[in-house]
């Protein structure tokens, strides 16, 4: 996997992935910040897992939303100290057991972004069946 980040102006940078996708990031609030990108990556990566796990169990999923809350260190470097991911999953005949298992498998085994942060960030999860 490769990517290139190029300075545009002031504190604005453009990132391009090897697969051709682009994202603008900024340190002055003009675009998504790098830390916001990391937080979104946690939610996207784990939500992909949750939906995929449920679908592999032949369950019907209509919607999955992940609300994320993060805490950061007070002093530089202002790393994440805690992240909470709350999944709101809607589908046909979903049980607590099904969703709980999917969320746990993502957080403990499959979500590469969460696992990369493990040991440095206190990551917690919860879910709600809609």
C-alpha atoms as a PDB file:
ATOM      1  CA  UNK A   1       0.000   0.000   0.000  1.00  0.00           C
ATOM      2  CA  UNK A   2       1.312   3.413  -0.920  1.00  0.00           C
ATOM      3  CA  UNK A   3       0.104   7.002  -0.642  1.00  0.00           C
ATOM      4  CA  UNK A   4       1.426  10.506  -1.237  1.00  0.00           C
ATOM      5  CA  UNK A   5       0.685  13.605   0.827  1.00  0.00           C
ATOM      6  CA  UNK A   6       1.376  16.936  -0.889  1.00  0.00           C
ATOM      7  CA  UNK A   7       1.428  20.407   0.619  1.00  0.00           C
ATOM      8  CA  UNK A   8      -1.155  22.712  -0.988  1.00  0.00           C
ATOM      9  CA  UNK A   9      -0.968  25.943   1.027  1.00  0.00           C
ATOM     10  CA  UNK A  10      -0.764  27.178   4.626  1.00  0.00           C
ATOM     11  CA  UNK A  11      -1.463  23.965   6.624  1.00  0.00           C
ATOM     12  CA  UNK A  12      -3.515  22.260   3.896  1.00  0.00           C
ATOM     13  CA  UNK A  13      -2.337  18.969   2.428  1.00  0.00           C
ATOM     14  CA  UNK A  14      -3.797  16.688  -0.211  1.00  0.00           C
ATOM     15  CA  UNK A  15      -3.438  12.952   0.151  1.00  0.00           C
ATOM     16  CA  UNK A  16      -3.716  10.531  -2.729  1.00  0.00           C
ATOM     17  CA  UNK A  17      -3.806   6.780  -2.363  1.00  0.00           C
ATOM     18  CA  UNK A  18      -2.238   4.276  -4.705  1.00  0.00           C
ATOM     19  CA  UNK A  19      -5.777   3.302  -5.742  1.00  0.00           C
ATOM     20  CA  UNK A  20      -6.470   6.885  -6.857  1.00  0.00           C
ATOM     21  CA  UNK A  21      -8.618   8.256  -4.032  1.00  0.00           C
ATOM     22  CA  UNK A  22      -7.938  11.751  -2.712  1.00  0.00           C
ATOM     23  CA  UNK A  23      -8.568  13.523   0.574  1.00  0.00           C
ATOM     24  CA  UNK A  24      -7.744  17.030   1.677  1.00  0.00           C
ATOM     25  CA  UNK A  25      -6.609  17.524   5.273  1.00  0.00           C
ATOM     26  CA  UNK A  26      -5.856  20.704   7.140  1.00  0.00           C
ATOM     27  CA  UNK A  27      -4.372  21.845  10.432  1.00  0.00           C
ATOM     28  CA  UNK A  28      -6.439  25.067  10.594  1.00  0.00           C
ATOM     29  CA  UNK A  29      -9.969  23.685  10.370  1.00  0.00           C
ATOM     30  CA  UNK A  30     -10.375  24.325   6.637  1.00  0.00           C
ATOM     31  CA  UNK A  31     -10.829  20.583   5.982  1.00  0.00           C
ATOM     32  CA  UNK A  32     -10.864  17.359   7.960  1.00  0.00           C
ATOM     33  CA  UNK A  33      -7.915  17.136  10.351  1.00  0.00           C
ATOM     34  CA  UNK A  34      -5.557  14.148  10.403  1.00  0.00           C
ATOM     35  CA  UNK A  35      -6.865  13.153  13.853  1.00  0.00           C
ATOM     36  CA  UNK A  36     -10.464  13.342  12.621  1.00  0.00           C
ATOM     37  CA  UNK A  37      -9.392  11.066   9.763  1.00  0.00           C
ATOM     38  CA  UNK A  38      -8.065   8.527  12.255  1.00  0.00           C
ATOM     39  CA  UNK A  39     -11.307   8.664  14.240  1.00  0.00           C
ATOM     40  CA  UNK A  40     -13.381   8.176  11.085  1.00  0.00           C
ATOM     41  CA  UNK A  41     -11.108   5.286  10.083  1.00  0.00           C
ATOM     42  CA  UNK A  42     -11.873   3.558  13.405  1.00  0.00           C
ATOM     43  CA  UNK A  43     -15.607   3.870  12.777  1.00  0.00           C
ATOM     44  CA  UNK A  44     -15.495   2.896   9.109  1.00  0.00           C
ATOM     45  CA  UNK A  45     -13.162  -0.068   9.584  1.00  0.00           C
ATOM     46  CA  UNK A  46     -15.122  -1.531  12.479  1.00  0.00           C
ATOM     47  CA  UNK A  47     -18.522  -0.840  10.892  1.00  0.00           C
ATOM     48  CA  UNK A  48     -17.422  -2.682   7.749  1.00  0.00           C
ATOM     49  CA  UNK A  49     -16.578  -5.649   9.976  1.00  0.00           C
ATOM     50  CA  UNK A  50     -19.879  -5.524  11.880  1.00  0.00           C
ATOM     51  CA  UNK A  51     -21.970  -5.461   8.695  1.00  0.00           C
ATOM     52  CA  UNK A  52     -19.833  -8.119   7.004  1.00  0.00           C
ATOM     53  CA  UNK A  53     -19.966 -10.463  10.016  1.00  0.00           C
ATOM     54  CA  UNK A  54     -23.753 -10.132  10.298  1.00  0.00           C
ATOM     55  CA  UNK A  55     -24.220 -10.704   6.565  1.00  0.00           C
ATOM     56  CA  UNK A  56     -21.971 -13.776   6.658  1.00  0.00           C
ATOM     57  CA  UNK A  57     -24.324 -15.125   9.330  1.00  0.00           C
ATOM     58  CA  UNK A  58     -27.072 -14.652   6.708  1.00  0.00           C
ATOM     59  CA  UNK A  59     -28.730 -11.866   8.665  1.00  0.00           C
ATOM     60  CA  UNK A  60     -30.346  -8.930   6.912  1.00  0.00           C
ATOM     61  CA  UNK A  61     -28.830  -5.556   7.789  1.00  0.00           C
ATOM     62  CA  UNK A  62     -30.640  -2.387   6.686  1.00  0.00           C
ATOM     63  CA  UNK A  63     -28.444   0.227   8.343  1.00  0.00           C
ATOM     64  CA  UNK A  64     -25.368   0.583  10.515  1.00  0.00           C
ATOM     65  CA  UNK A  65     -24.208   3.842  12.034  1.00  0.00           C
ATOM     66  CA  UNK A  66     -21.257   4.285  14.355  1.00  0.00           C
ATOM     67  CA  UNK A  67     -21.148   7.260  16.713  1.00  0.00           C
ATOM     68  CA  UNK A  68     -17.616   7.917  17.928  1.00  0.00           C
ATOM     69  CA  UNK A  69     -16.417   9.861  20.941  1.00  0.00           C
ATOM     70  CA  UNK A  70     -12.723  10.459  21.515  1.00  0.00           C
ATOM     71  CA  UNK A  71     -10.654  11.971  24.286  1.00  0.00           C
ATOM     72  CA  UNK A  72      -7.237  13.460  23.647  1.00  0.00           C
ATOM     73  CA  UNK A  73      -4.239  14.193  25.835  1.00  0.00           C
ATOM     74  CA  UNK A  74      -4.099  17.751  27.159  1.00  0.00           C
ATOM     75  CA  UNK A  75      -0.453  18.311  26.210  1.00  0.00           C
ATOM     76  CA  UNK A  76       1.369  17.686  22.916  1.00  0.00           C
ATOM     77  CA  UNK A  77       1.499  15.276  21.384  1.00  0.00           C
ATOM     78  CA  UNK A  78      -2.311  15.375  21.717  1.00  0.00           C
ATOM     79  CA  UNK A  79      -2.818  11.677  21.065  1.00  0.00           C
ATOM     80  CA  UNK A  80      -6.108   9.881  21.580  1.00  0.00           C
ATOM     81  CA  UNK A  81      -6.333   8.483  25.089  1.00  0.00           C
ATOM     82  CA  UNK A  82      -9.799   6.951  24.726  1.00  0.00           C
ATOM     83  CA  UNK A  83     -12.273   6.190  21.952  1.00  0.00           C
ATOM     84  CA  UNK A  84     -15.817   4.929  22.394  1.00  0.00           C
ATOM     85  CA  UNK A  85     -17.658   3.481  19.391  1.00  0.00           C
ATOM     86  CA  UNK A  86     -21.443   3.112  19.659  1.00  0.00           C
ATOM     87  CA  UNK A  87     -23.060   1.114  16.837  1.00  0.00           C
ATOM     88  CA  UNK A  88     -26.694   1.581  15.877  1.00  0.00           C
ATOM     89  CA  UNK A  89     -27.673  -1.415  13.773  1.00  0.00           C
ATOM     90  CA  UNK A  90     -30.986  -1.934  12.015  1.00  0.00           C
ATOM     91  CA  UNK A  91     -32.014  -5.200  10.409  1.00  0.00           C
ATOM     92  CA  UNK A  92     -34.427  -8.074  10.346  1.00  0.00           C
ATOM     93  CA  UNK A  93     -34.563 -10.282  13.445  1.00  0.00           C
ATOM     94  CA  UNK A  94     -31.208  -9.152  14.818  1.00  0.00           C
ATOM     95  CA  UNK A  95     -30.564 -10.423  18.327  1.00  0.00           C
ATOM     96  CA  UNK A  96     -28.375  -8.969  21.060  1.00  0.00           C
ATOM     97  CA  UNK A  97     -26.221 -12.080  20.772  1.00  0.00           C
ATOM     98  CA  UNK A  98     -25.655 -11.529  17.021  1.00  0.00           C
ATOM     99  CA  UNK A  99     -24.753  -7.848  17.257  1.00  0.00           C
ATOM    100  CA  UNK A 100     -22.724  -8.210  20.445  1.00  0.00           C
ATOM    101  CA  UNK A 101     -20.657 -10.963  18.804  1.00  0.00           C
ATOM    102  CA  UNK A 102     -20.121  -8.945  15.601  1.00  0.00           C
ATOM    103  CA  UNK A 103     -18.984  -5.864  17.542  1.00  0.00           C
ATOM    104  CA  UNK A 104     -16.691  -7.942  19.779  1.00  0.00           C
ATOM    105  CA  UNK A 105     -15.116  -9.776  16.826  1.00  0.00           C
ATOM    106  CA  UNK A 106     -14.443  -6.495  15.076  1.00  0.00           C
ATOM    107  CA  UNK A 107     -12.840  -4.858  18.118  1.00  0.00           C
ATOM    108  CA  UNK A 108     -10.850  -7.898  19.243  1.00  0.00           C
ATOM    109  CA  UNK A 109      -9.888  -9.661  16.026  1.00  0.00           C
ATOM    110  CA  UNK A 110     -10.640  -7.968  12.698  1.00  0.00           C
ATOM    111  CA  UNK A 111     -10.559  -4.158  12.772  1.00  0.00           C
ATOM    112  CA  UNK A 112      -6.983  -3.348  11.797  1.00  0.00           C
ATOM    113  CA  UNK A 113      -7.371   0.317  12.754  1.00  0.00           C
ATOM    114  CA  UNK A 114      -8.624  -0.484  16.269  1.00  0.00           C
ATOM    115  CA  UNK A 115      -5.996  -3.167  16.712  1.00  0.00           C
ATOM    116  CA  UNK A 116      -3.263  -0.784  15.577  1.00  0.00           C
ATOM    117  CA  UNK A 117      -4.288   1.635  18.353  1.00  0.00           C
ATOM    118  CA  UNK A 118      -4.700  -1.105  20.977  1.00  0.00           C
ATOM    119  CA  UNK A 119      -2.371  -0.708  23.931  1.00  0.00           C
ATOM    120  CA  UNK A 120      -2.117   3.051  23.430  1.00  0.00           C
ATOM    121  CA  UNK A 121      -5.789   4.020  23.373  1.00  0.00           C
ATOM    122  CA  UNK A 122      -8.555   2.777  25.664  1.00  0.00           C
ATOM    123  CA  UNK A 123     -11.148   1.610  23.110  1.00  0.00           C
ATOM    124  CA  UNK A 124     -14.643   0.720  24.282  1.00  0.00           C
ATOM    125  CA  UNK A 125     -17.764  -0.248  22.366  1.00  0.00           C
ATOM    126  CA  UNK A 126     -21.506  -0.430  22.788  1.00  0.00           C
ATOM    127  CA  UNK A 127     -24.404  -1.082  20.460  1.00  0.00           C
ATOM    128  CA  UNK A 128     -28.097  -0.571  19.999  1.00  0.00           C
ATOM    129  CA  UNK A 129     -30.448  -2.541  17.775  1.00  0.00           C
ATOM    130  CA  UNK A 130     -32.828  -0.160  16.064  1.00  0.00           C
END
